[in-house]
Amino acid sequence: TVEKIKELRIISANFYDKVDAVLNQGGKHDIWDNIAFANAIQTTF
């Protein structure tokens, strides 16, 4: 999860792009510096 968020400025990802747009409206992923994030399901799908 940590490494995935670090890549967001260079690799587009649909879920994270949309969350960023809802929270930030700027699309530059700066919002991730200000929040915490985790996926609830721990199983590897």
PDB file of all heavy atoms in Angstrom:
ATOM      1  N   THR A   1       0.835  -1.208   0.000  1.00  0.00           N
ATOM      2  CA  THR A   1       0.000   0.000   0.000  1.00  0.00           C
ATOM      3  C   THR A   1       0.864   1.250   0.000  1.00  0.00           C
ATOM      4  O   THR A   1       0.617   2.192  -0.760  1.00  0.00           O
ATOM      5  CB  THR A   1      -0.935   0.013   1.225  1.00  0.00           C
ATOM      6  OG1 THR A   1      -1.778  -1.149   1.184  1.00  0.00           O
ATOM      7  CG2 THR A   1      -1.803   1.261   1.238  1.00  0.00           C
ATOM      8  N   VAL A   2       1.869   1.260   0.847  1.00  0.00           N
ATOM      9  CA  VAL A   2       2.766   2.420   0.947  1.00  0.00           C
ATOM     10  C   VAL A   2       3.462   2.677  -0.385  1.00  0.00           C
ATOM     11  O   VAL A   2       3.509   3.820  -0.873  1.00  0.00           O
ATOM     12  CB  VAL A   2       3.797   2.196   2.066  1.00  0.00           C
ATOM     13  CG1 VAL A   2       4.839   3.312   2.075  1.00  0.00           C
ATOM     14  CG2 VAL A   2       3.102   2.109   3.423  1.00  0.00           C
ATOM     15  N   GLU A   3       3.984   1.617  -0.988  1.00  0.00           N
ATOM     16  CA  GLU A   3       4.697   1.775  -2.260  1.00  0.00           C
ATOM     17  C   GLU A   3       3.746   2.193  -3.378  1.00  0.00           C
ATOM     18  O   GLU A   3       4.127   2.958  -4.274  1.00  0.00           O
ATOM     19  CB  GLU A   3       5.415   0.478  -2.622  1.00  0.00           C
ATOM     20  CG  GLU A   3       6.522   0.079  -1.662  1.00  0.00           C
ATOM     21  CD  GLU A   3       7.573   1.176  -1.532  1.00  0.00           C
ATOM     22  OE1 GLU A   3       7.945   1.778  -2.561  1.00  0.00           O
ATOM     23  OE2 GLU A   3       8.007   1.440  -0.393  1.00  0.00           O
ATOM     24  N   LYS A   4       2.517   1.694  -3.341  1.00  0.00           N
ATOM     25  CA  LYS A   4       1.528   2.061  -4.356  1.00  0.00           C
ATOM     26  C   LYS A   4       1.242   3.554  -4.329  1.00  0.00           C
ATOM     27  O   LYS A   4       1.197   4.217  -5.376  1.00  0.00           O
ATOM     28  CB  LYS A   4       0.226   1.279  -4.110  1.00  0.00           C
ATOM     29  CG  LYS A   4      -0.862   1.511  -5.151  1.00  0.00           C
ATOM     30  CD  LYS A   4      -0.505   0.878  -6.470  1.00  0.00           C
ATOM     31  CE  LYS A   4      -1.614   1.018  -7.482  1.00  0.00           C
ATOM     32  NZ  LYS A   4      -1.236   0.438  -8.797  1.00  0.00           N
ATOM     33  N   ILE A   5       1.060   4.113  -3.160  1.00  0.00           N
ATOM     34  CA  ILE A   5       0.779   5.547  -3.046  1.00  0.00           C
ATOM     35  C   ILE A   5       1.981   6.373  -3.507  1.00  0.00           C
ATOM     36  O   ILE A   5       1.825   7.409  -4.161  1.00  0.00           O
ATOM     37  CB  ILE A   5       0.394   5.925  -1.604  1.00  0.00           C
ATOM     38  CG1 ILE A   5      -0.832   5.135  -1.141  1.00  0.00           C
ATOM     39  CG2 ILE A   5       0.135   7.420  -1.497  1.00  0.00           C
ATOM     40  CD1 ILE A   5      -2.084   5.368  -1.957  1.00  0.00           C
ATOM     41  N   LYS A   6       3.177   5.907  -3.213  1.00  0.00           N
ATOM     42  CA  LYS A   6       4.385   6.631  -3.631  1.00  0.00           C
ATOM     43  C   LYS A   6       4.469   6.757  -5.150  1.00  0.00           C
ATOM     44  O   LYS A   6       5.063   7.704  -5.673  1.00  0.00           O
ATOM     45  CB  LYS A   6       5.635   5.924  -3.111  1.00  0.00           C
ATOM     46  CG  LYS A   6       5.866   6.061  -1.617  1.00  0.00           C
ATOM     47  CD  LYS A   6       7.123   5.310  -1.213  1.00  0.00           C
ATOM     48  CE  LYS A   6       7.408   5.409   0.267  1.00  0.00           C
ATOM     49  NZ  LYS A   6       8.624   4.631   0.654  1.00  0.00           N
ATOM     50  N   GLU A   7       3.888   5.793  -5.878  1.00  0.00           N
ATOM     51  CA  GLU A   7       3.981   5.774  -7.343  1.00  0.00           C
ATOM     52  C   GLU A   7       2.937   6.652  -8.038  1.00  0.00           C
ATOM     53  O   GLU A   7       2.995   6.815  -9.259  1.00  0.00           O
ATOM     54  CB  GLU A   7       3.789   4.337  -7.850  1.00  0.00           C
ATOM     55  CG  GLU A   7       4.893   3.379  -7.471  1.00  0.00           C
ATOM     56  CD  GLU A   7       4.603   1.975  -7.968  1.00  0.00           C
ATOM     57  OE1 GLU A   7       3.441   1.705  -8.349  1.00  0.00           O
ATOM     58  OE2 GLU A   7       5.527   1.148  -7.979  1.00  0.00           O
ATOM     59  N   LEU A   8       1.994   7.207  -7.294  1.00  0.00           N
ATOM     60  CA  LEU A   8       0.831   7.815  -7.937  1.00  0.00           C
ATOM     61  C   LEU A   8       1.168   9.009  -8.825  1.00  0.00           C
ATOM     62  O   LEU A   8       0.426   9.311  -9.766  1.00  0.00           O
ATOM     63  CB  LEU A   8      -0.189   8.240  -6.877  1.00  0.00           C
ATOM     64  CG  LEU A   8      -0.933   7.088  -6.207  1.00  0.00           C
ATOM     65  CD1 LEU A   8      -1.894   7.625  -5.165  1.00  0.00           C
ATOM     66  CD2 LEU A   8      -1.669   6.231  -7.227  1.00  0.00           C
ATOM     67  N   ARG A   9       2.239   9.692  -8.543  1.00  0.00           N
ATOM     68  CA  ARG A   9       2.575  10.852  -9.378  1.00  0.00           C
ATOM     69  C   ARG A   9       3.162  10.452 -10.728  1.00  0.00           C
ATOM     70  O   ARG A   9       3.267  11.279 -11.627  1.00  0.00           O
ATOM     71  CB  ARG A   9       3.538  11.776  -8.632  1.00  0.00           C
ATOM     72  CG  ARG A   9       2.861  12.581  -7.522  1.00  0.00           C
ATOM     73  CD  ARG A   9       3.805  13.618  -6.921  1.00  0.00           C
ATOM     74  NE  ARG A   9       3.113  14.511  -6.015  1.00  0.00           N
ATOM     75  CZ  ARG A   9       2.896  14.263  -4.737  1.00  0.00           C
ATOM     76  NH1 ARG A   9       3.311  13.131  -4.215  1.00  0.00           N
ATOM     77  NH2 ARG A   9       2.253  15.130  -3.970  1.00  0.00           N
ATOM     78  N   ILE A  10       3.532   9.176 -10.873  1.00  0.00           N
ATOM     79  CA  ILE A  10       4.106   8.752 -12.151  1.00  0.00           C
ATOM     80  C   ILE A  10       3.301   7.643 -12.826  1.00  0.00           C
ATOM     81  O   ILE A  10       3.438   7.419 -14.027  1.00  0.00           O
ATOM     82  CB  ILE A  10       5.572   8.281 -11.983  1.00  0.00           C
ATOM     83  CG1 ILE A  10       5.677   7.166 -10.938  1.00  0.00           C
ATOM     84  CG2 ILE A  10       6.464   9.447 -11.594  1.00  0.00           C
ATOM     85  CD1 ILE A  10       7.063   6.559 -10.820  1.00  0.00           C
ATOM     86  N   ILE A  11       2.459   6.939 -12.059  1.00  0.00           N
ATOM     87  CA  ILE A  11       1.655   5.846 -12.627  1.00  0.00           C
ATOM     88  C   ILE A  11       0.185   6.088 -12.286  1.00  0.00           C
ATOM     89  O   ILE A  11      -0.199   6.106 -11.116  1.00  0.00           O
ATOM     90  CB  ILE A  11       2.101   4.482 -12.073  1.00  0.00           C
ATOM     91  CG1 ILE A  11       3.567   4.216 -12.438  1.00  0.00           C
ATOM     92  CG2 ILE A  11       1.199   3.366 -12.626  1.00  0.00           C
ATOM     93  CD1 ILE A  11       4.107   2.926 -11.868  1.00  0.00           C
ATOM     94  N   SER A  12      -0.643   6.250 -13.304  1.00  0.00           N
ATOM     95  CA  SER A  12      -2.065   6.478 -13.097  1.00  0.00           C
ATOM     96  C   SER A  12      -2.746   5.202 -12.613  1.00  0.00           C
ATOM     97  O   SER A  12      -2.401   4.099 -13.043  1.00  0.00           O
ATOM     98  CB  SER A  12      -2.722   6.955 -14.396  1.00  0.00           C
ATOM     99  OG  SER A  12      -4.102   7.157 -14.214  1.00  0.00           O
ATOM    100  N   ALA A  13      -3.713   5.347 -11.709  1.00  0.00           N
ATOM    101  CA  ALA A  13      -4.490   4.207 -11.204  1.00  0.00           C
ATOM    102  C   ALA A  13      -5.920   4.688 -10.970  1.00  0.00           C
ATOM    103  O   ALA A  13      -6.135   5.664 -10.245  1.00  0.00           O
ATOM    104  CB  ALA A  13      -3.877   3.664  -9.917  1.00  0.00           C
ATOM    105  N   ASN A  14      -6.869   4.001 -11.555  1.00  0.00           N
ATOM    106  CA  ASN A  14      -8.246   4.482 -11.622  1.00  0.00           C
ATOM    107  C   ASN A  14      -8.838   4.828 -10.258  1.00  0.00           C
ATOM    108  O   ASN A  14      -9.369   5.925 -10.051  1.00  0.00           O
ATOM    109  CB  ASN A  14      -9.114   3.431 -12.316  1.00  0.00           C
ATOM    110  CG  ASN A  14     -10.543   3.910 -12.520  1.00  0.00           C
ATOM    111  OD1 ASN A  14     -10.788   4.977 -13.075  1.00  0.00           O
ATOM    112  ND2 ASN A  14     -11.494   3.109 -12.071  1.00  0.00           N
ATOM    113  N   PHE A  15      -8.757   3.896  -9.305  1.00  0.00           N
ATOM    114  CA  PHE A  15      -9.344   4.137  -7.986  1.00  0.00           C
ATOM    115  C   PHE A  15      -8.740   5.380  -7.333  1.00  0.00           C
ATOM    116  O   PHE A  15      -9.446   6.265  -6.856  1.00  0.00           O
ATOM    117  CB  PHE A  15      -9.134   2.918  -7.085  1.00  0.00           C
ATOM    118  CG  PHE A  15      -9.482   3.157  -5.647  1.00  0.00           C
ATOM    119  CD1 PHE A  15     -10.797   3.064  -5.211  1.00  0.00           C
ATOM    120  CD2 PHE A  15      -8.500   3.493  -4.713  1.00  0.00           C
ATOM    121  CE1 PHE A  15     -11.131   3.297  -3.880  1.00  0.00           C
ATOM    122  CE2 PHE A  15      -8.819   3.723  -3.389  1.00  0.00           C
ATOM    123  CZ  PHE A  15     -10.137   3.629  -2.970  1.00  0.00           C
ATOM    124  N   TYR A  16      -7.429   5.451  -7.321  1.00  0.00           N
ATOM    125  CA  TYR A  16      -6.734   6.541  -6.637  1.00  0.00           C
ATOM    126  C   TYR A  16      -6.959   7.875  -7.361  1.00  0.00           C
ATOM    127  O   TYR A  16      -7.083   8.919  -6.715  1.00  0.00           O
ATOM    128  CB  TYR A  16      -5.246   6.223  -6.528  1.00  0.00           C
ATOM    129  CG  TYR A  16      -4.978   4.926  -5.801  1.00  0.00           C
ATOM    130  CD1 TYR A  16      -4.842   3.733  -6.509  1.00  0.00           C
ATOM    131  CD2 TYR A  16      -4.898   4.880  -4.416  1.00  0.00           C
ATOM    132  CE1 TYR A  16      -4.616   2.526  -5.847  1.00  0.00           C
ATOM    133  CE2 TYR A  16      -4.678   3.691  -3.746  1.00  0.00           C
ATOM    134  CZ  TYR A  16      -4.545   2.513  -4.467  1.00  0.00           C
ATOM    135  OH  TYR A  16      -4.332   1.321  -3.806  1.00  0.00           O
ATOM    136  N   ASP A  17      -7.022   7.838  -8.690  1.00  0.00           N
ATOM    137  CA  ASP A  17      -7.297   9.059  -9.452  1.00  0.00           C
ATOM    138  C   ASP A  17      -8.666   9.621  -9.092  1.00  0.00           C
ATOM    139  O   ASP A  17      -8.838  10.838  -8.938  1.00  0.00           O
ATOM    140  CB  ASP A  17      -7.238   8.781 -10.954  1.00  0.00           C
ATOM    141  CG  ASP A  17      -5.826   8.491 -11.452  1.00  0.00           C
ATOM    142  OD1 ASP A  17      -4.870   8.736 -10.691  1.00  0.00           O
ATOM    143  OD2 ASP A  17      -5.695   8.012 -12.589  1.00  0.00           O
ATOM    144  N   LYS A  18      -9.664   8.735  -8.960  1.00  0.00           N
ATOM    145  CA  LYS A  18     -11.025   9.197  -8.660  1.00  0.00           C
ATOM    146  C   LYS A  18     -11.142   9.682  -7.222  1.00  0.00           C
ATOM    147  O   LYS A  18     -11.824  10.677  -6.949  1.00  0.00           O
ATOM    148  CB  LYS A  18     -12.030   8.087  -8.955  1.00  0.00           C
ATOM    149  CG  LYS A  18     -12.217   7.843 -10.445  1.00  0.00           C
ATOM    150  CD  LYS A  18     -13.290   6.796 -10.716  1.00  0.00           C
ATOM    151  CE  LYS A  18     -13.515   6.636 -12.211  1.00  0.00           C
ATOM    152  NZ  LYS A  18     -14.541   5.602 -12.507  1.00  0.00           N
ATOM    153  N   VAL A  19     -10.502   8.991  -6.298  1.00  0.00           N
ATOM    154  CA  VAL A  19     -10.497   9.465  -4.909  1.00  0.00           C
ATOM    155  C   VAL A  19      -9.830  10.829  -4.828  1.00  0.00           C
ATOM    156  O   VAL A  19     -10.318  11.743  -4.157  1.00  0.00           O
ATOM    157  CB  VAL A  19      -9.790   8.452  -3.985  1.00  0.00           C
ATOM    158  CG1 VAL A  19      -9.554   9.056  -2.596  1.00  0.00           C
ATOM    159  CG2 VAL A  19     -10.611   7.177  -3.864  1.00  0.00           C
ATOM    160  N   ASP A  20      -8.693  10.964  -5.518  1.00  0.00           N
ATOM    161  CA  ASP A  20      -7.995  12.245  -5.559  1.00  0.00           C
ATOM    162  C   ASP A  20      -8.905  13.343  -6.107  1.00  0.00           C
ATOM    163  O   ASP A  20      -8.959  14.458  -5.566  1.00  0.00           O
ATOM    164  CB  ASP A  20      -6.744  12.132  -6.430  1.00  0.00           C
ATOM    165  CG  ASP A  20      -6.017  13.444  -6.591  1.00  0.00           C
ATOM    166  OD1 ASP A  20      -5.270  13.819  -5.676  1.00  0.00           O
ATOM    167  OD2 ASP A  20      -6.204  14.111  -7.618  1.00  0.00           O
ATOM    168  N   ALA A  21      -9.645  13.034  -7.179  1.00  0.00           N
ATOM    169  CA  ALA A  21     -10.530  14.030  -7.789  1.00  0.00           C
ATOM    170  C   ALA A  21     -11.657  14.435  -6.844  1.00  0.00           C
ATOM    171  O   ALA A  21     -12.023  15.605  -6.756  1.00  0.00           O
ATOM    172  CB  ALA A  21     -11.116  13.476  -9.089  1.00  0.00           C
ATOM    173  N   VAL A  22     -12.217  13.461  -6.119  1.00  0.00           N
ATOM    174  CA  VAL A  22     -13.297  13.768  -5.170  1.00  0.00           C
ATOM    175  C   VAL A  22     -12.791  14.622  -4.011  1.00  0.00           C
ATOM    176  O   VAL A  22     -13.453  15.566  -3.567  1.00  0.00           O
ATOM    177  CB  VAL A  22     -13.925  12.467  -4.637  1.00  0.00           C
ATOM    178  CG1 VAL A  22     -14.858  12.752  -3.460  1.00  0.00           C
ATOM    179  CG2 VAL A  22     -14.704  11.760  -5.748  1.00  0.00           C
ATOM    180  N   LEU A  23     -11.586  14.335  -3.532  1.00  0.00           N
ATOM    181  CA  LEU A  23     -11.058  15.038  -2.366  1.00  0.00           C
ATOM    182  C   LEU A  23     -10.362  16.345  -2.717  1.00  0.00           C
ATOM    183  O   LEU A  23     -10.444  17.326  -1.977  1.00  0.00           O
ATOM    184  CB  LEU A  23     -10.060  14.144  -1.630  1.00  0.00           C
ATOM    185  CG  LEU A  23     -10.613  12.900  -0.936  1.00  0.00           C
ATOM    186  CD1 LEU A  23      -9.475  12.107  -0.340  1.00  0.00           C
ATOM    187  CD2 LEU A  23     -11.608  13.280   0.144  1.00  0.00           C
ATOM    188  N   ASN A  24      -9.665  16.349  -3.838  1.00  0.00           N
ATOM    189  CA  ASN A  24      -8.727  17.426  -4.133  1.00  0.00           C
ATOM    190  C   ASN A  24      -9.170  18.331  -5.267  1.00  0.00           C
ATOM    191  O   ASN A  24      -8.897  19.523  -5.269  1.00  0.00           O
ATOM    192  CB  ASN A  24      -7.359  16.808  -4.473  1.00  0.00           C
ATOM    193  CG  ASN A  24      -6.222  17.791  -4.434  1.00  0.00           C
ATOM    194  OD1 ASN A  24      -6.182  18.654  -3.566  1.00  0.00           O
ATOM    195  ND2 ASN A  24      -5.311  17.676  -5.377  1.00  0.00           N
ATOM    196  N   GLN A  25      -9.820  17.733  -6.261  1.00  0.00           N
ATOM    197  CA  GLN A  25     -10.307  18.429  -7.452  1.00  0.00           C
ATOM    198  C   GLN A  25      -9.170  18.988  -8.305  1.00  0.00           C
ATOM    199  O   GLN A  25      -9.409  19.664  -9.301  1.00  0.00           O
ATOM    200  CB  GLN A  25     -11.287  19.543  -7.084  1.00  0.00           C
ATOM    201  CG  GLN A  25     -12.467  19.058  -6.253  1.00  0.00           C
ATOM    202  CD  GLN A  25     -13.443  20.160  -5.942  1.00  0.00           C
ATOM    203  OE1 GLN A  25     -13.673  21.029  -6.758  1.00  0.00           O
ATOM    204  NE2 GLN A  25     -14.034  20.121  -4.761  1.00  0.00           N
ATOM    205  N   GLY A  26      -7.932  18.714  -7.927  1.00  0.00           N
ATOM    206  CA  GLY A  26      -6.812  19.225  -8.700  1.00  0.00           C
ATOM    207  C   GLY A  26      -6.135  18.180  -9.561  1.00  0.00           C
ATOM    208  O   GLY A  26      -5.474  18.501 -10.530  1.00  0.00           O
ATOM    209  N   GLY A  27      -6.286  16.898  -9.178  1.00  0.00           N
ATOM    210  CA  GLY A  27      -5.733  15.822  -9.971  1.00  0.00           C
ATOM    211  C   GLY A  27      -4.231  15.669  -9.899  1.00  0.00           C
ATOM    212  O   GLY A  27      -3.630  14.981 -10.717  1.00  0.00           O
ATOM    213  N   LYS A  28      -3.574  16.274  -8.912  1.00  0.00           N
ATOM    214  CA  LYS A  28      -2.113  16.218  -8.834  1.00  0.00           C
ATOM    215  C   LYS A  28      -1.621  15.307  -7.713  1.00  0.00           C
ATOM    216  O   LYS A  28      -0.436  15.222  -7.472  1.00  0.00           O
ATOM    217  CB  LYS A  28      -1.546  17.626  -8.635  1.00  0.00           C
ATOM    218  CG  LYS A  28      -1.830  18.561  -9.815  1.00  0.00           C
ATOM    219  CD  LYS A  28      -1.224  19.939  -9.579  1.00  0.00           C
ATOM    220  CE  LYS A  28      -1.492  20.856 -10.760  1.00  0.00           C
ATOM    221  NZ  LYS A  28      -0.940  22.219 -10.560  1.00  0.00           N
ATOM    222  N   HIS A  29      -2.559  14.658  -7.034  1.00  0.00           N
ATOM    223  CA  HIS A  29      -2.240  13.705  -5.978  1.00  0.00           C
ATOM    224  C   HIS A  29      -1.554  14.326  -4.771  1.00  0.00           C
ATOM    225  O   HIS A  29      -0.993  13.610  -3.946  1.00  0.00           O
ATOM    226  CB  HIS A  29      -1.393  12.555  -6.539  1.00  0.00           C
ATOM    227  CG  HIS A  29      -2.086  11.768  -7.600  1.00  0.00           C
ATOM    228  ND1 HIS A  29      -3.230  11.043  -7.364  1.00  0.00           N
ATOM    229  CD2 HIS A  29      -1.826  11.613  -8.928  1.00  0.00           C
ATOM    230  CE1 HIS A  29      -3.639  10.462  -8.484  1.00  0.00           C
ATOM    231  NE2 HIS A  29      -2.817  10.808  -9.450  1.00  0.00           N
ATOM    232  N   ASP A  30      -1.606  15.637  -4.639  1.00  0.00           N
ATOM    233  CA  ASP A  30      -1.033  16.271  -3.446  1.00  0.00           C
ATOM    234  C   ASP A  30      -1.795  15.873  -2.181  1.00  0.00           C
ATOM    235  O   ASP A  30      -1.231  15.900  -1.078  1.00  0.00           O
ATOM    236  CB  ASP A  30      -1.067  17.798  -3.590  1.00  0.00           C
ATOM    237  CG  ASP A  30      -0.184  18.298  -4.721  1.00  0.00           C
ATOM    238  OD1 ASP A  30       0.791  17.589  -5.044  1.00  0.00           O
ATOM    239  OD2 ASP A  30      -0.470  19.362  -5.288  1.00  0.00           O
ATOM    240  N   ILE A  31      -3.059  15.521  -2.341  1.00  0.00           N
ATOM    241  CA  ILE A  31      -3.892  15.194  -1.185  1.00  0.00           C
ATOM    242  C   ILE A  31      -3.329  14.018  -0.392  1.00  0.00           C
ATOM    243  O   ILE A  31      -3.495  13.928   0.818  1.00  0.00           O
ATOM    244  CB  ILE A  31      -5.343  14.894  -1.642  1.00  0.00           C
ATOM    245  CG1 ILE A  31      -6.293  14.829  -0.434  1.00  0.00           C
ATOM    246  CG2 ILE A  31      -5.414  13.589  -2.427  1.00  0.00           C
ATOM    247  CD1 ILE A  31      -6.498  16.138   0.249  1.00  0.00           C
ATOM    248  N   TRP A  32      -2.603  13.122  -1.063  1.00  0.00           N
ATOM    249  CA  TRP A  32      -2.114  11.924  -0.383  1.00  0.00           C
ATOM    250  C   TRP A  32      -1.040  12.236   0.657  1.00  0.00           C
ATOM    251  O   TRP A  32      -0.799  11.437   1.564  1.00  0.00           O
ATOM    252  CB  TRP A  32      -1.602  10.908  -1.400  1.00  0.00           C
ATOM    253  CG  TRP A  32      -2.721  10.478  -2.312  1.00  0.00           C
ATOM    254  CD1 TRP A  32      -3.026  11.007  -3.529  1.00  0.00           C
ATOM    255  CD2 TRP A  32      -3.712   9.479  -2.058  1.00  0.00           C
ATOM    256  NE1 TRP A  32      -4.138  10.393  -4.063  1.00  0.00           N
ATOM    257  CE2 TRP A  32      -4.578   9.453  -3.185  1.00  0.00           C
ATOM    258  CE3 TRP A  32      -3.943   8.599  -1.005  1.00  0.00           C
ATOM    259  CZ2 TRP A  32      -5.659   8.577  -3.269  1.00  0.00           C
ATOM    260  CZ3 TRP A  32      -5.015   7.725  -1.087  1.00  0.00           C
ATOM    261  CH2 TRP A  32      -5.858   7.723  -2.202  1.00  0.00           C
ATOM    262  N   ASP A  33      -0.405  13.398   0.543  1.00  0.00           N
ATOM    263  CA  ASP A  33       0.552  13.810   1.573  1.00  0.00           C
ATOM    264  C   ASP A  33      -0.155  14.172   2.879  1.00  0.00           C
ATOM    265  O   ASP A  33       0.484  14.206   3.935  1.00  0.00           O
ATOM    266  CB  ASP A  33       1.361  15.025   1.105  1.00  0.00           C
ATOM    267  CG  ASP A  33       2.380  14.678   0.040  1.00  0.00           C
ATOM    268  OD1 ASP A  33       2.762  13.491  -0.058  1.00  0.00           O
ATOM    269  OD2 ASP A  33       2.793  15.588  -0.707  1.00  0.00           O
ATOM    270  N   ASN A  34      -1.453  14.446   2.804  1.00  0.00           N
ATOM    271  CA  ASN A  34      -2.175  14.975   3.958  1.00  0.00           C
ATOM    272  C   ASN A  34      -3.092  13.960   4.640  1.00  0.00           C
ATOM    273  O   ASN A  34      -3.702  14.282   5.655  1.00  0.00           O
ATOM    274  CB  ASN A  34      -3.029  16.173   3.532  1.00  0.00           C
ATOM    275  CG  ASN A  34      -2.214  17.291   2.932  1.00  0.00           C
ATOM    276  OD1 ASN A  34      -1.043  17.463   3.276  1.00  0.00           O
ATOM    277  ND2 ASN A  34      -2.800  18.053   2.030  1.00  0.00           N
ATOM    278  N   ILE A  35      -3.205  12.751   4.067  1.00  0.00           N
ATOM    279  CA  ILE A  35      -4.165  11.783   4.597  1.00  0.00           C
ATOM    280  C   ILE A  35      -3.489  10.444   4.877  1.00  0.00           C
ATOM    281  O   ILE A  35      -2.349  10.208   4.501  1.00  0.00           O
ATOM    282  CB  ILE A  35      -5.330  11.566   3.611  1.00  0.00           C
ATOM    283  CG1 ILE A  35      -4.833  10.956   2.299  1.00  0.00           C
ATOM    284  CG2 ILE A  35      -6.068  12.883   3.354  1.00  0.00           C
ATOM    285  CD1 ILE A  35      -5.933  10.650   1.305  1.00  0.00           C
ATOM    286  N   ALA A  36      -4.245   9.583   5.548  1.00  0.00           N
ATOM    287  CA  ALA A  36      -3.848   8.180   5.709  1.00  0.00           C
ATOM    288  C   ALA A  36      -4.762   7.327   4.843  1.00  0.00           C
ATOM    289  O   ALA A  36      -5.905   7.707   4.558  1.00  0.00           O
ATOM    290  CB  ALA A  36      -3.939   7.757   7.172  1.00  0.00           C
ATOM    291  N   PHE A  37      -4.255   6.165   4.425  1.00  0.00           N
ATOM    292  CA  PHE A  37      -5.046   5.311   3.541  1.00  0.00           C
ATOM    293  C   PHE A  37      -4.731   3.842   3.786  1.00  0.00           C
ATOM    294  O   PHE A  37      -3.582   3.474   4.054  1.00  0.00           O
ATOM    295  CB  PHE A  37      -4.761   5.621   2.069  1.00  0.00           C
ATOM    296  CG  PHE A  37      -5.367   4.605   1.125  1.00  0.00           C
ATOM    297  CD1 PHE A  37      -6.719   4.642   0.834  1.00  0.00           C
ATOM    298  CD2 PHE A  37      -4.587   3.600   0.572  1.00  0.00           C
ATOM    299  CE1 PHE A  37      -7.286   3.676   0.004  1.00  0.00           C
ATOM    300  CE2 PHE A  37      -5.139   2.641  -0.264  1.00  0.00           C
ATOM    301  CZ  PHE A  37      -6.503   2.685  -0.550  1.00  0.00           C
ATOM    302  N   ALA A  38      -5.766   3.013   3.665  1.00  0.00           N
ATOM    303  CA  ALA A  38      -5.585   1.559   3.709  1.00  0.00           C
ATOM    304  C   ALA A  38      -6.792   0.894   3.058  1.00  0.00           C
ATOM    305  O   ALA A  38      -7.902   1.439   3.073  1.00  0.00           O
ATOM    306  CB  ALA A  38      -5.436   1.065   5.145  1.00  0.00           C
ATOM    307  N   ASN A  39      -6.578  -0.273   2.477  1.00  0.00           N
ATOM    308  CA  ASN A  39      -7.679  -1.115   2.025  1.00  0.00           C
ATOM    309  C   ASN A  39      -8.079  -2.061   3.143  1.00  0.00           C
ATOM    310  O   ASN A  39      -7.218  -2.636   3.818  1.00  0.00           O
ATOM    311  CB  ASN A  39      -7.282  -1.920   0.788  1.00  0.00           C
ATOM    312  CG  ASN A  39      -7.433  -1.127  -0.492  1.00  0.00           C
ATOM    313  OD1 ASN A  39      -8.290  -0.254  -0.596  1.00  0.00           O
ATOM    314  ND2 ASN A  39      -6.605  -1.425  -1.476  1.00  0.00           N
ATOM    315  N   ALA A  40      -9.377  -2.239   3.327  1.00  0.00           N
ATOM    316  CA  ALA A  40      -9.854  -3.039   4.453  1.00  0.00           C
ATOM    317  C   ALA A  40      -9.629  -4.534   4.266  1.00  0.00           C
ATOM    318  O   ALA A  40      -9.236  -5.237   5.196  1.00  0.00           O
ATOM    319  CB  ALA A  40     -11.343  -2.763   4.686  1.00  0.00           C
ATOM    320  N   ILE A  41      -9.886  -5.051   3.062  1.00  0.00           N
ATOM    321  CA  ILE A  41      -9.742  -6.482   2.819  1.00  0.00           C
ATOM    322  C   ILE A  41      -8.259  -6.841   2.762  1.00  0.00           C
ATOM    323  O   ILE A  41      -7.498  -6.242   2.002  1.00  0.00           O
ATOM    324  CB  ILE A  41     -10.464  -6.889   1.526  1.00  0.00           C
ATOM    325  CG1 ILE A  41     -11.989  -6.727   1.697  1.00  0.00           C
ATOM    326  CG2 ILE A  41     -10.140  -8.329   1.141  1.00  0.00           C
ATOM    327  CD1 ILE A  41     -12.794  -6.988   0.451  1.00  0.00           C
ATOM    328  N   GLN A  42      -7.887  -7.825   3.559  1.00  0.00           N
ATOM    329  CA  GLN A  42      -6.469  -8.191   3.674  1.00  0.00           C
ATOM    330  C   GLN A  42      -6.084  -9.374   2.787  1.00  0.00           C
ATOM    331  O   GLN A  42      -4.905  -9.671   2.625  1.00  0.00           O
ATOM    332  CB  GLN A  42      -6.144  -8.514   5.135  1.00  0.00           C
ATOM    333  CG  GLN A  42      -6.409  -7.358   6.091  1.00  0.00           C
ATOM    334  CD  GLN A  42      -5.602  -6.125   5.756  1.00  0.00           C
ATOM    335  OE1 GLN A  42      -4.371  -6.139   5.846  1.00  0.00           O
ATOM    336  NE2 GLN A  42      -6.265  -5.046   5.369  1.00  0.00           N
ATOM    337  N   THR A  43      -7.074 -10.031   2.196  1.00  0.00           N
ATOM    338  CA  THR A  43      -6.810 -11.123   1.272  1.00  0.00           C
ATOM    339  C   THR A  43      -6.230 -10.574  -0.032  1.00  0.00           C
ATOM    340  O   THR A  43      -6.628  -9.501  -0.487  1.00  0.00           O
ATOM    341  CB  THR A  43      -8.120 -11.877   0.955  1.00  0.00           C
ATOM    342  OG1 THR A  43      -8.747 -12.240   2.185  1.00  0.00           O
ATOM    343  CG2 THR A  43      -7.862 -13.121   0.136  1.00  0.00           C
ATOM    344  N   THR A  44      -5.303 -11.306  -0.629  1.00  0.00           N
ATOM    345  CA  THR A  44      -4.749 -10.898  -1.930  1.00  0.00           C
ATOM    346  C   THR A  44      -5.655 -11.419  -3.035  1.00  0.00           C
ATOM    347  O   THR A  44      -5.712 -12.628  -3.276  1.00  0.00           O
ATOM    348  CB  THR A  44      -3.328 -11.456  -2.120  1.00  0.00           C
ATOM    349  OG1 THR A  44      -3.350 -12.881  -1.968  1.00  0.00           O
ATOM    350  CG2 THR A  44      -2.380 -10.855  -1.093  1.00  0.00           C
ATOM    351  N   PHE A  45      -6.378 -10.531  -3.700  1.00  0.00           N
ATOM    352  CA  PHE A  45      -7.276 -10.909  -4.779  1.00  0.00           C
ATOM    353  C   PHE A  45      -6.499 -11.030  -6.092  1.00  0.00           C
ATOM    354  O   PHE A  45      -5.499 -10.347  -6.298  1.00  0.00           O
ATOM    355  CB  PHE A  45      -8.391  -9.876  -4.937  1.00  0.00           C
ATOM    356  CG  PHE A  45      -9.485  -9.981  -3.901  1.00  0.00           C
ATOM    357  CD1 PHE A  45      -9.395 -10.879  -2.858  1.00  0.00           C
ATOM    358  CD2 PHE A  45     -10.606  -9.175  -3.979  1.00  0.00           C
ATOM    359  CE1 PHE A  45     -10.396 -10.986  -1.902  1.00  0.00           C
ATOM    360  CE2 PHE A  45     -11.620  -9.269  -3.044  1.00  0.00           C
ATOM    361  CZ  PHE A  45     -11.519 -10.173  -1.993  1.00  0.00           C
TER     362      PHE A  45
END
